[in-house]
C-alpha atoms as a PDB file:
ATOM      1  CA  MET A   1     137.067 149.957  57.691  1.00  0.00           C
ATOM      2  CA  LEU A   2     140.178 148.661  55.459  1.00  0.00           C
ATOM      3  CA  TYR A   3     141.412 150.634  52.294  1.00  0.00           C
ATOM      4  CA  LYS A   4     142.772 148.046  49.411  1.00  0.00           C
ATOM      5  CA  ASN A   5     145.257 149.463  46.675  1.00  0.00           C
ATOM      6  CA  PHE A   6     146.872 148.192  43.735  1.00  0.00           C
ATOM      7  CA  ILE A   7     149.771 149.972  42.904  1.00  0.00           C
ATOM      8  CA  SER A   8     151.662 149.933  39.750  1.00  0.00           C
ATOM      9  CA  PHE A   9     155.277 151.020  39.093  1.00  0.00           C
ATOM     10  CA  ASP A  10     157.234 151.747  35.805  1.00  0.00           C
ATOM     11  CA  ASN A  11     160.251 150.085  37.183  1.00  0.00           C
ATOM     12  CA  ASN A  12     160.747 146.747  39.208  1.00  0.00           C
ATOM     13  CA  ILE A  13     160.398 147.164  43.082  1.00  0.00           C
ATOM     14  CA  ASP A  14     161.452 144.161  45.614  1.00  0.00           C
ATOM     15  CA  VAL A  15     159.312 144.864  48.848  1.00  0.00           C
ATOM     16  CA  ARG A  16     161.011 142.068  50.953  1.00  0.00           C
ATOM     17  CA  GLU A  17     164.476 143.075  50.000  1.00  0.00           C
ATOM     18  CA  SER A  18     163.958 146.822  50.201  1.00  0.00           C
ATOM     19  CA  LEU A  19     162.240 146.623  53.610  1.00  0.00           C
ATOM     20  CA  PHE A  20     164.581 143.838  55.208  1.00  0.00           C
ATOM     21  CA  SER A  21     167.688 145.366  53.942  1.00  0.00           C
ATOM     22  CA  GLY A  22     168.964 146.933  57.070  1.00  0.00           C
ATOM     23  CA  GLN A  23     167.515 150.401  57.070  1.00  0.00           C
ATOM     24  CA  SER A  24     164.252 149.770  58.834  1.00  0.00           C
ATOM     25  CA  PHE A  25     163.535 147.563  61.793  1.00  0.00           C
ATOM     26  CA  LEU A  26     159.727 148.231  62.103  1.00  0.00           C
ATOM     27  CA  TRP A  27     158.055 145.684  59.571  1.00  0.00           C
ATOM     28  CA  ASN A  28     157.071 141.984  60.100  1.00  0.00           C
ATOM     29  CA  THR A  29     155.999 139.513  58.203  1.00  0.00           C
ATOM     30  CA  LEU A  30     152.450 137.942  58.417  1.00  0.00           C
ATOM     31  CA  ASP A  31     151.898 134.776  56.227  1.00  0.00           C
ATOM     32  CA  TYR A  32     147.815 134.914  55.848  1.00  0.00           C
ATOM     33  CA  ASN A  33     146.745 134.142  52.076  1.00  0.00           C
ATOM     34  CA  GLY A  34     150.353 134.715  50.897  1.00  0.00           C
ATOM     35  CA  SER A  35     152.945 137.115  52.429  1.00  0.00           C
ATOM     36  CA  TYR A  36     152.079 140.345  53.730  1.00  0.00           C
ATOM     37  CA  TYR A  37     154.227 142.723  55.409  1.00  0.00           C
ATOM     38  CA  ALA A  38     152.670 144.768  58.359  1.00  0.00           C
ATOM     39  CA  SER A  39     153.840 148.136  59.969  1.00  0.00           C
ATOM     40  CA  ILE A  40     152.008 151.229  61.304  1.00  0.00           C
ATOM     41  CA  LEU A  41     153.142 154.550  59.438  1.00  0.00           C
ATOM     42  CA  GLY A  42     151.894 157.734  60.351  1.00  0.00           C
ATOM     43  CA  GLY A  43     149.659 156.092  63.021  1.00  0.00           C
ATOM     44  CA  VAL A  44     148.199 153.660  60.477  1.00  0.00           C
ATOM     45  CA  ILE A  45     148.416 150.097  59.741  1.00  0.00           C
ATOM     46  CA  ILE A  46     149.785 149.098  56.729  1.00  0.00           C
ATOM     47  CA  LEU A  47     150.150 145.982  55.158  1.00  0.00           C
ATOM     48  CA  ILE A  48     152.038 145.057  51.817  1.00  0.00           C
ATOM     49  CA  ARG A  49     152.020 142.133  49.265  1.00  0.00           C
ATOM     50  CA  GLN A  50     154.183 141.993  46.360  1.00  0.00           C
ATOM     51  CA  VAL A  51     152.040 141.016  43.646  1.00  0.00           C
ATOM     52  CA  SER A  52     154.386 141.079  40.657  1.00  0.00           C
ATOM     53  CA  CYS A  53     157.928 142.292  40.103  1.00  0.00           C
ATOM     54  CA  ARG A  54     156.184 145.870  39.474  1.00  0.00           C
ATOM     55  CA  GLU A  55     152.873 145.880  41.285  1.00  0.00           C
ATOM     56  CA  ILE A  56     152.206 145.696  45.168  1.00  0.00           C
ATOM     57  CA  GLU A  57     148.859 145.276  47.096  1.00  0.00           C
ATOM     58  CA  VAL A  58     148.173 147.951  49.604  1.00  0.00           C
ATOM     59  CA  ILE A  59     145.968 147.665  52.722  1.00  0.00           C
ATOM     60  CA  ALA A  60     145.650 150.363  55.416  1.00  0.00           C
ATOM     61  CA  SER A  61     143.349 150.928  58.051  1.00  0.00           C
ATOM     62  CA  ASP A  62     143.092 154.566  56.821  1.00  0.00           C
ATOM     63  CA  ASN A  63     143.026 156.256  53.445  1.00  0.00           C
ATOM     64  CA  LEU A  64     145.149 159.230  54.423  1.00  0.00           C
ATOM     65  CA  ILE A  65     148.766 158.747  55.438  1.00  0.00           C
ATOM     66  CA  ASN A  66     150.618 162.169  56.992  1.00  0.00           C
ATOM     67  CA  GLY A  67     148.079 163.791  54.748  1.00  0.00           C
ATOM     68  CA  TYR A  68     148.927 161.921  51.669  1.00  0.00           C
ATOM     69  CA  VAL A  69     146.618 159.361  49.631  1.00  0.00           C
ATOM     70  CA  ILE A  70     147.911 155.936  50.140  1.00  0.00           C
ATOM     71  CA  ASN A  71     149.134 155.597  46.322  1.00  0.00           C
ATOM     72  CA  ASP A  72     151.123 158.880  46.921  1.00  0.00           C
ATOM     73  CA  PHE A  73     152.482 158.051  50.286  1.00  0.00           C
ATOM     74  CA  ILE A  74     153.521 154.712  49.108  1.00  0.00           C
ATOM     75  CA  SER A  75     155.342 155.920  46.261  1.00  0.00           C
ATOM     76  CA  GLN A  76     157.092 158.599  48.291  1.00  0.00           C
ATOM     77  CA  TYR A  77     158.123 156.029  50.892  1.00  0.00           C
ATOM     78  CA  PHE A  78     159.513 153.509  48.262  1.00  0.00           C
ATOM     79  CA  SER A  79     161.403 156.716  46.943  1.00  0.00           C
ATOM     80  CA  ILE A  80     159.851 155.756  43.420  1.00  0.00           C
ATOM     81  CA  ASP A  81     161.352 158.839  42.077  1.00  0.00           C
ATOM     82  CA  VAL A  82     164.599 157.825  42.534  1.00  0.00           C
ATOM     83  CA  ASP A  83     166.692 156.219  39.393  1.00  0.00           C
ATOM     84  CA  ILE A  84     169.013 153.723  40.901  1.00  0.00           C
ATOM     85  CA  LYS A  85     171.123 153.243  38.452  1.00  0.00           C
ATOM     86  CA  SER A  86     171.883 157.263  38.124  1.00  0.00           C
ATOM     87  CA  SER A  87     173.146 156.659  41.776  1.00  0.00           C
ATOM     88  CA  LEU A  88     176.498 155.001  40.280  1.00  0.00           C
ATOM     89  CA  THR A  89     178.804 156.614  37.710  1.00  0.00           C
ATOM     90  CA  ASP A  90     179.778 155.344  34.200  1.00  0.00           C
ATOM     91  CA  CYS A  91     183.041 154.135  35.877  1.00  0.00           C
ATOM     92  CA  ILE A  92     181.459 151.385  37.992  1.00  0.00           C
ATOM     93  CA  GLU A  93     179.829 150.022  34.484  1.00  0.00           C
ATOM     94  CA  TYR A  94     182.911 150.224  32.372  1.00  0.00           C
ATOM     95  CA  ARG A  95     185.608 149.691  35.426  1.00  0.00           C
ATOM     96  CA  TYR A  96     184.257 147.232  37.417  1.00  0.00           C
ATOM     97  CA  THR A  97     182.345 145.286  34.948  1.00  0.00           C
ATOM     98  CA  GLY A  98     181.987 141.975  37.530  1.00  0.00           C
ATOM     99  CA  LEU A  99     180.691 143.931  40.260  1.00  0.00           C
ATOM    100  CA  TRP A 100     178.082 145.819  37.763  1.00  0.00           C
ATOM    101  CA  SER A 101     176.588 142.498  36.594  1.00  0.00           C
ATOM    102  CA  VAL A 102     176.261 141.593  40.204  1.00  0.00           C
ATOM    103  CA  LEU A 103     174.290 144.561  40.712  1.00  0.00           C
ATOM    104  CA  GLN A 104     171.987 144.138  38.326  1.00  0.00           C
ATOM    105  CA  GLY A 105     170.022 141.845  40.478  1.00  0.00           C
ATOM    106  CA  TYR A 106     169.623 144.878  43.437  1.00  0.00           C
ATOM    107  CA  PHE A 107     168.273 147.648  41.373  1.00  0.00           C
ATOM    108  CA  SER A 108     164.635 146.800  42.552  1.00  0.00           C
ATOM    109  CA  ILE A 109     165.493 147.458  45.963  1.00  0.00           C
ATOM    110  CA  LYS A 110     164.407 150.945  46.958  1.00  0.00           C
ATOM    111  CA  VAL A 111     165.539 153.363  50.208  1.00  0.00           C
ATOM    112  CA  LEU A 112     162.741 154.200  51.901  1.00  0.00           C
ATOM    113  CA  ARG A 113     161.730 157.760  53.369  1.00  0.00           C
ATOM    114  CA  GLN A 114     160.865 156.963  56.641  1.00  0.00           C
ATOM    115  CA  ASN A 115     159.718 159.133  59.995  1.00  0.00           C
ATOM    116  CA  PRO A 116     162.934 160.779  61.322  1.00  0.00           C
ATOM    117  CA  TYR A 117     162.454 160.406  64.968  1.00  0.00           C
ATOM    118  CA  GLU A 118     161.460 157.039  64.555  1.00  0.00           C
ATOM    119  CA  THR A 119     164.945 156.442  62.588  1.00  0.00           C
ATOM    120  CA  LEU A 120     166.709 158.783  65.282  1.00  0.00           C
ATOM    121  CA  ILE A 121     165.949 156.101  68.077  1.00  0.00           C
ATOM    122  CA  THR A 122     166.017 152.842  66.049  1.00  0.00           C
ATOM    123  CA  PHE A 123     169.814 153.596  64.781  1.00  0.00           C
ATOM    124  CA  MET A 124     170.634 154.407  68.065  1.00  0.00           C
ATOM    125  CA  CYS A 125     169.554 151.023  69.527  1.00  0.00           C
ATOM    126  CA  ALA A 126     171.462 149.220  66.357  1.00  0.00           C
ATOM    127  CA  GLN A 127     175.225 150.446  67.478  1.00  0.00           C
ATOM    128  CA  GLY A 128     177.298 147.347  66.972  1.00  0.00           C
ATOM    129  CA  ILE A 129     174.650 144.403  67.200  1.00  0.00           C
ATOM    130  CA  GLY A 130     173.499 142.203  64.229  1.00  0.00           C
ATOM    131  CA  MET A 131     170.012 142.887  62.745  1.00  0.00           C
ATOM    132  CA  HIS A 132     168.186 140.203  64.072  1.00  0.00           C
ATOM    133  CA  LEU A 133     168.858 141.330  67.691  1.00  0.00           C
ATOM    134  CA  ILE A 134     168.025 144.654  66.466  1.00  0.00           C
ATOM    135  CA  ARG A 135     164.645 143.894  65.243  1.00  0.00           C
ATOM    136  CA  ARG A 136     163.823 142.043  68.530  1.00  0.00           C
ATOM    137  CA  GLN A 137     165.255 145.161  70.454  1.00  0.00           C
ATOM    138  CA  VAL A 138     162.852 147.567  68.402  1.00  0.00           C
ATOM    139  CA  SER A 139     160.177 144.662  68.765  1.00  0.00           C
ATOM    140  CA  ILE A 140     160.427 144.882  72.572  1.00  0.00           C
ATOM    141  CA  LEU A 141     160.553 148.615  72.689  1.00  0.00           C
ATOM    142  CA  THR A 142     157.201 149.039  70.532  1.00  0.00           C
ATOM    143  CA  HIS A 143     155.624 146.397  72.470  1.00  0.00           C
ATOM    144  CA  ILE A 144     156.372 148.059  75.643  1.00  0.00           C
ATOM    145  CA  TYR A 145     155.828 151.504  74.921  1.00  0.00           C
ATOM    146  CA  GLY A 146     153.731 151.986  71.784  1.00  0.00           C
ATOM    147  CA  GLU A 147     150.271 152.164  71.369  1.00  0.00           C
ATOM    148  CA  LYS A 148     148.436 148.393  70.397  1.00  0.00           C
ATOM    149  CA  LYS A 149     146.448 148.652  67.175  1.00  0.00           C
ATOM    150  CA  SER A 150     144.614 145.962  65.733  1.00  0.00           C
ATOM    151  CA  ILE A 151     142.965 145.222  62.382  1.00  0.00           C
ATOM    152  CA  THR A 152     140.712 141.973  61.306  1.00  0.00           C
ATOM    153  CA  LEU A 153     142.321 140.484  57.712  1.00  0.00           C
ATOM    154  CA  PHE A 154     140.895 137.079  56.615  1.00  0.00           C
ATOM    155  CA  GLY A 155     138.912 136.536  59.669  1.00  0.00           C
ATOM    156  CA  LYS A 156     141.769 136.432  61.516  1.00  0.00           C
ATOM    157  CA  GLU A 157     143.239 139.715  64.033  1.00  0.00           C
ATOM    158  CA  ILE A 158     146.264 141.618  63.428  1.00  0.00           C
ATOM    159  CA  ILE A 159     147.988 143.190  66.422  1.00  0.00           C
ATOM    160  CA  LEU A 160     150.539 145.654  65.780  1.00  0.00           C
ATOM    161  CA  HIS A 161     151.913 148.330  68.365  1.00  0.00           C
ATOM    162  CA  SER A 162     153.193 151.881  67.056  1.00  0.00           C
ATOM    163  CA  PHE A 163     156.360 153.631  67.758  1.00  0.00           C
ATOM    164  CA  PRO A 164     156.579 155.443  71.323  1.00  0.00           C
ATOM    165  CA  THR A 165     156.072 159.035  71.321  1.00  0.00           C
ATOM    166  CA  PRO A 166     159.204 161.079  72.059  1.00  0.00           C
ATOM    167  CA  GLU A 167     156.912 162.213  75.295  1.00  0.00           C
ATOM    168  CA  ARG A 168     156.364 158.423  76.222  1.00  0.00           C
ATOM    169  CA  LEU A 169     160.437 157.488  75.834  1.00  0.00           C
ATOM    170  CA  SER A 170     161.305 160.582  77.546  1.00  0.00           C
ATOM    171  CA  SER A 171     159.644 159.595  80.696  1.00  0.00           C
ATOM    172  CA  VAL A 172     160.984 156.116  81.057  1.00  0.00           C
ATOM    173  CA  ASP A 173     163.739 154.717  83.663  1.00  0.00           C
ATOM    174  CA  PRO A 174     166.868 154.119  81.492  1.00  0.00           C
ATOM    175  CA  LEU A 175     167.520 151.352  83.695  1.00  0.00           C
ATOM    176  CA  VAL A 176     164.272 150.282  82.758  1.00  0.00           C
ATOM    177  CA  LEU A 177     164.678 150.644  78.778  1.00  0.00           C
ATOM    178  CA  SER A 178     167.883 148.740  78.973  1.00  0.00           C
ATOM    179  CA  ALA A 179     165.878 145.760  78.158  1.00  0.00           C
ATOM    180  CA  CYS A 180     165.453 147.013  75.129  1.00  0.00           C
ATOM    181  CA  THR A 181     169.178 148.206  74.641  1.00  0.00           C
ATOM    182  CA  ASN A 182     170.527 144.399  75.075  1.00  0.00           C
ATOM    183  CA  ASN A 183     171.197 145.668  78.951  1.00  0.00           C
ATOM    184  CA  ASN A 184     173.151 149.114  78.062  1.00  0.00           C
ATOM    185  CA  ARG A 185     172.391 151.430  80.199  1.00  0.00           C
ATOM    186  CA  ILE A 186     174.732 154.006  78.318  1.00  0.00           C
ATOM    187  CA  ARG A 187     172.811 153.602  75.172  1.00  0.00           C
ATOM    188  CA  ALA A 188     169.333 153.564  77.365  1.00  0.00           C
ATOM    189  CA  THR A 189     170.279 157.052  78.729  1.00  0.00           C
ATOM    190  CA  ASN A 190     171.063 158.310  75.666  1.00  0.00           C
ATOM    191  CA  ILE A 191     167.937 157.249  74.166  1.00  0.00           C
ATOM    192  CA  VAL A 192     165.643 158.831  76.978  1.00  0.00           C
ATOM    193  CA  LEU A 193     167.650 162.044  76.639  1.00  0.00           C
ATOM    194  CA  ALA A 194     167.106 162.301  72.598  1.00  0.00           C
ATOM    195  CA  ALA A 195     163.423 161.569  73.038  1.00  0.00           C
ATOM    196  CA  GLN A 196     163.548 164.363  75.470  1.00  0.00           C
ATOM    197  CA  ALA A 197     165.589 166.966  73.044  1.00  0.00           C
ATOM    198  CA  VAL A 198     162.999 165.770  70.479  1.00  0.00           C
ATOM    199  CA  ALA A 199     159.932 166.458  72.635  1.00  0.00           C
ATOM    200  CA  ASP A 200     161.649 169.819  73.894  1.00  0.00           C
ATOM    201  CA  GLY A 201     162.196 170.639  70.569  1.00  0.00           C
ATOM    202  CA  LYS A 202     165.834 171.244  71.157  1.00  0.00           C
ATOM    203  CA  ILE A 203     166.357 168.310  68.123  1.00  0.00           C
ATOM    204  CA  ASP A 204     164.285 170.000  65.592  1.00  0.00           C
ATOM    205  CA  LEU A 205     164.086 167.191  62.914  1.00  0.00           C
ATOM    206  CA  GLN A 206     161.402 168.916  60.857  1.00  0.00           C
ATOM    207  CA  ALA A 207     163.852 171.841  60.573  1.00  0.00           C
ATOM    208  CA  LEU A 208     166.869 169.564  59.881  1.00  0.00           C
ATOM    209  CA  ALA A 209     164.812 167.842  56.981  1.00  0.00           C
ATOM    210  CA  ASN A 210     165.604 171.600  55.221  1.00  0.00           C
ATOM    211  CA  PRO A 211     167.543 170.117  51.835  1.00  0.00           C
ATOM    212  CA  ALA A 212     169.639 173.130  51.996  1.00  0.00           C
ATOM    213  CA  ILE A 213     171.593 172.420  55.198  1.00  0.00           C
ATOM    214  CA  PRO A 214     174.830 171.364  53.973  1.00  0.00           C
ATOM    215  CA  LEU A 215     175.480 167.491  54.891  1.00  0.00           C
ATOM    216  CA  ALA A 216     178.382 168.534  56.944  1.00  0.00           C
ATOM    217  CA  GLU A 217     176.471 170.677  59.228  1.00  0.00           C
ATOM    218  CA  LEU A 218     173.601 168.168  59.315  1.00  0.00           C
ATOM    219  CA  ARG A 219     176.021 165.701  60.454  1.00  0.00           C
ATOM    220  CA  ASN A 220     177.871 168.059  62.981  1.00  0.00           C
ATOM    221  CA  THR A 221     174.317 169.182  64.458  1.00  0.00           C
ATOM    222  CA  LEU A 222     173.208 165.457  64.991  1.00  0.00           C
ATOM    223  CA  CYS A 223     176.824 164.311  66.534  1.00  0.00           C
ATOM    224  CA  ARG A 224     175.937 167.095  69.296  1.00  0.00           C
ATOM    225  CA  ASN A 225     173.896 164.571  70.958  1.00  0.00           C
ATOM    226  CA  ARG A 226     175.405 161.743  73.053  1.00  0.00           C
ATOM    227  CA  GLY A 227     175.212 158.611  71.571  1.00  0.00           C
ATOM    228  CA  ILE A 228     175.606 159.667  67.748  1.00  0.00           C
ATOM    229  CA  GLY A 229     178.674 159.524  65.922  1.00  0.00           C
ATOM    230  CA  TYR A 230     179.178 159.783  62.380  1.00  0.00           C
ATOM    231  CA  LYS A 231     177.955 156.813  61.256  1.00  0.00           C
ATOM    232  CA  ILE A 232     174.560 156.815  63.520  1.00  0.00           C
ATOM    233  CA  ALA A 233     173.881 160.372  61.822  1.00  0.00           C
ATOM    234  CA  ASP A 234     174.328 159.454  58.236  1.00  0.00           C
ATOM    235  CA  CYS A 235     171.797 156.885  59.068  1.00  0.00           C
ATOM    236  CA  ILE A 236     169.402 159.555  60.337  1.00  0.00           C
ATOM    237  CA  ALA A 237     170.054 161.623  57.488  1.00  0.00           C
ATOM    238  CA  LEU A 238     169.905 159.164  54.896  1.00  0.00           C
ATOM    239  CA  PHE A 239     167.096 156.888  55.922  1.00  0.00           C
ATOM    240  CA  GLY A 240     164.667 159.497  57.926  1.00  0.00           C
ATOM    241  CA  LEU A 241     165.762 162.960  56.707  1.00  0.00           C
ATOM    242  CA  GLY A 242     165.794 161.749  52.845  1.00  0.00           C
ATOM    243  CA  ARG A 243     169.151 162.824  52.481  1.00  0.00           C
ATOM    244  CA  PHE A 244     170.558 160.687  49.540  1.00  0.00           C
ATOM    245  CA  ASP A 245     173.759 161.801  49.916  1.00  0.00           C
ATOM    246  CA  ALA A 246     174.605 160.898  53.170  1.00  0.00           C
ATOM    247  CA  PHE A 247     176.876 157.969  53.094  1.00  0.00           C
ATOM    248  CA  PRO A 248     177.131 155.724  56.470  1.00  0.00           C
ATOM    249  CA  ILE A 249     179.999 153.601  56.705  1.00  0.00           C
ATOM    250  CA  ASP A 250     180.714 150.771  59.045  1.00  0.00           C
ATOM    251  CA  THR A 251     182.554 147.381  58.963  1.00  0.00           C
ATOM    252  CA  HIS A 252     180.724 145.905  55.716  1.00  0.00           C
ATOM    253  CA  VAL A 253     180.971 149.013  53.901  1.00  0.00           C
ATOM    254  CA  GLN A 254     185.080 149.449  54.758  1.00  0.00           C
ATOM    255  CA  GLN A 255     185.130 145.946  53.461  1.00  0.00           C
ATOM    256  CA  TYR A 256     183.605 146.604  50.050  1.00  0.00           C
ATOM    257  CA  LEU A 257     185.378 149.848  49.713  1.00  0.00           C
ATOM    258  CA  ALA A 258     188.532 147.865  50.011  1.00  0.00           C
ATOM    259  CA  THR A 259     187.555 144.617  48.213  1.00  0.00           C
ATOM    260  CA  TRP A 260     185.816 145.979  45.256  1.00  0.00           C
ATOM    261  CA  PHE A 261     187.161 149.529  44.969  1.00  0.00           C
ATOM    262  CA  ASN A 262     190.667 149.044  45.942  1.00  0.00           C
ATOM    263  CA  SER A 263     190.765 151.449  48.961  1.00  0.00           C
ATOM    264  CA  THR A 264     193.745 151.178  51.007  1.00  0.00           C
ATOM    265  CA  THR A 265     192.171 153.813  53.402  1.00  0.00           C
ATOM    266  CA  ALA A 266     189.232 151.600  54.345  1.00  0.00           C
ATOM    267  CA  LEU A 267     192.070 148.733  55.395  1.00  0.00           C
ATOM    268  CA  ARG A 268     192.900 151.121  58.113  1.00  0.00           C
ATOM    269  CA  PRO A 269     191.093 151.274  61.343  1.00  0.00           C
ATOM    270  CA  LEU A 270     188.178 153.618  61.284  1.00  0.00           C
ATOM    271  CA  THR A 271     188.785 157.016  63.074  1.00  0.00           C
ATOM    272  CA  PRO A 272     186.385 160.089  62.601  1.00  0.00           C
ATOM    273  CA  ALA A 273     189.255 161.350  60.640  1.00  0.00           C
ATOM    274  CA  ARG A 274     189.009 158.143  58.268  1.00  0.00           C
ATOM    275  CA  TYR A 275     185.666 157.983  58.194  1.00  0.00           C
ATOM    276  CA  LEU A 276     185.734 161.267  56.358  1.00  0.00           C
ATOM    277  CA  LEU A 277     188.336 160.542  53.808  1.00  0.00           C
ATOM    278  CA  LEU A 278     186.543 157.240  52.787  1.00  0.00           C
ATOM    279  CA  ASP A 279     183.412 159.138  52.642  1.00  0.00           C
ATOM    280  CA  ALA A 280     185.206 161.625  50.190  1.00  0.00           C
ATOM    281  CA  GLU A 281     186.889 158.882  48.170  1.00  0.00           C
ATOM    282  CA  ALA A 282     183.386 157.368  47.930  1.00  0.00           C
ATOM    283  CA  ARG A 283     182.003 160.333  46.035  1.00  0.00           C
ATOM    284  CA  THR A 284     184.800 159.922  43.236  1.00  0.00           C
ATOM    285  CA  PHE A 285     182.609 157.070  41.993  1.00  0.00           C
ATOM    286  CA  LEU A 286     179.457 157.365  43.192  1.00  0.00           C
ATOM    287  CA  ASN A 287     177.016 160.222  42.154  1.00  0.00           C
ATOM    288  CA  PRO A 288     178.037 162.381  44.991  1.00  0.00           C
ATOM    289  CA  GLU A 289     173.672 163.216  45.189  1.00  0.00           C
ATOM    290  CA  LEU A 290     173.022 159.874  45.847  1.00  0.00           C
ATOM    291  CA  ALA A 291     176.009 158.183  47.464  1.00  0.00           C
ATOM    292  CA  GLY A 292     174.029 156.976  49.883  1.00  0.00           C
ATOM    293  CA  TYR A 293     171.335 155.431  47.788  1.00  0.00           C
ATOM    294  CA  ALA A 294     174.222 153.847  45.836  1.00  0.00           C
ATOM    295  CA  GLY A 295     175.810 152.687  49.158  1.00  0.00           C
ATOM    296  CA  HIS A 296     173.152 151.171  50.912  1.00  0.00           C
ATOM    297  CA  ILE A 297     172.706 148.893  47.817  1.00  0.00           C
ATOM    298  CA  LEU A 298     176.462 147.918  47.601  1.00  0.00           C
ATOM    299  CA  PHE A 299     176.138 147.321  51.473  1.00  0.00           C
ATOM    300  CA  HIS A 300     172.900 144.507  50.731  1.00  0.00           C
ATOM    301  CA  CYS A 301     174.977 143.282  47.962  1.00  0.00           C
ATOM    302  CA  TRP A 302     178.067 142.853  49.889  1.00  0.00           C
ATOM    303  CA  ARG A 303     176.263 141.429  52.817  1.00  0.00           C
ATOM    304  CA  LYS A 304     174.106 138.787  50.487  1.00  0.00           C
ATOM    305  CA  GLU A 305     176.831 138.149  47.764  1.00  0.00           C
ATOM    306  CA  VAL A 306     180.108 138.024  49.538  1.00  0.00           C
ATOM    307  CA  LYS A 307     179.628 137.317  53.637  1.00  0.00           C
ATOM    308  CA  LYS A 308     176.289 135.206  52.642  1.00  0.00           C
ATOM    309  CA  LEU A 309     174.250 136.644  55.633  1.00  0.00           C
ATOM    310  CA  ARG A 310     170.807 135.465  55.276  1.00  0.00           C
ATOM    311  CA  SER A 311     169.664 137.240  58.719  1.00  0.00           C
ATOM    312  CA  PHE A 312     168.130 140.726  58.209  1.00  0.00           C
END
């Protein structure tokens, strides 16, 4: 049985730009009677279609996802409770008027609240490679080690694969898993070790989701695991643990900090010490509590408007 819901929001939401902005690699596009975006969340097949700028259609294989009714889960998943403009301080609107004008077209992007374990593994896969290749690697990972699920929509069978459990990944030979990490055996080994740590409770993601934990402590705890540095730790925190104050910094972020905000620090190589300096700089013109949320909007805007990238 399929459950269909139409969900309306008070503000604009751009489903495609949100799902394919570099924060999740688990969504697929299906062109059945209009574009649907499909994934498995909490073991439930989810299909989403944009109806209008403030309304979406959701089709699900269950009426409950992680104990929430569909409407409540989707609203939380797309962080509808967050006012995006509040993540940017007034100084951007008044000091960087050109940037502020461009950003108006990006305020419909939402930062997703994703499964922390899936976020941990996918961003460990994602180090130093483009989004198209990341998406391909994650697809291989789910097809080989995930559980096959299917539904029938408009008379056609739709087959998806769930994300592999920590127990399943922890038992994989890293040499074999390297097929899912662009043949990087060290990365594959680190992913297996991370999955083992989650399965054994050594990485307690539920405990790490406690918002009372200082961000620096959370980052350092994640960085104790092989293959996780500051940037990956901040991605896990931002996209997987709901820490919208976490501010991941990569090459694109360095570039927009230097170009748009005149940061001389961003012009220099990104050492761990300089990473923390840039993090502190960003919080002087972004709302510190939502620095990562704003950072992701700026990141996506930079990639599209300045770098003219179309592969997401």
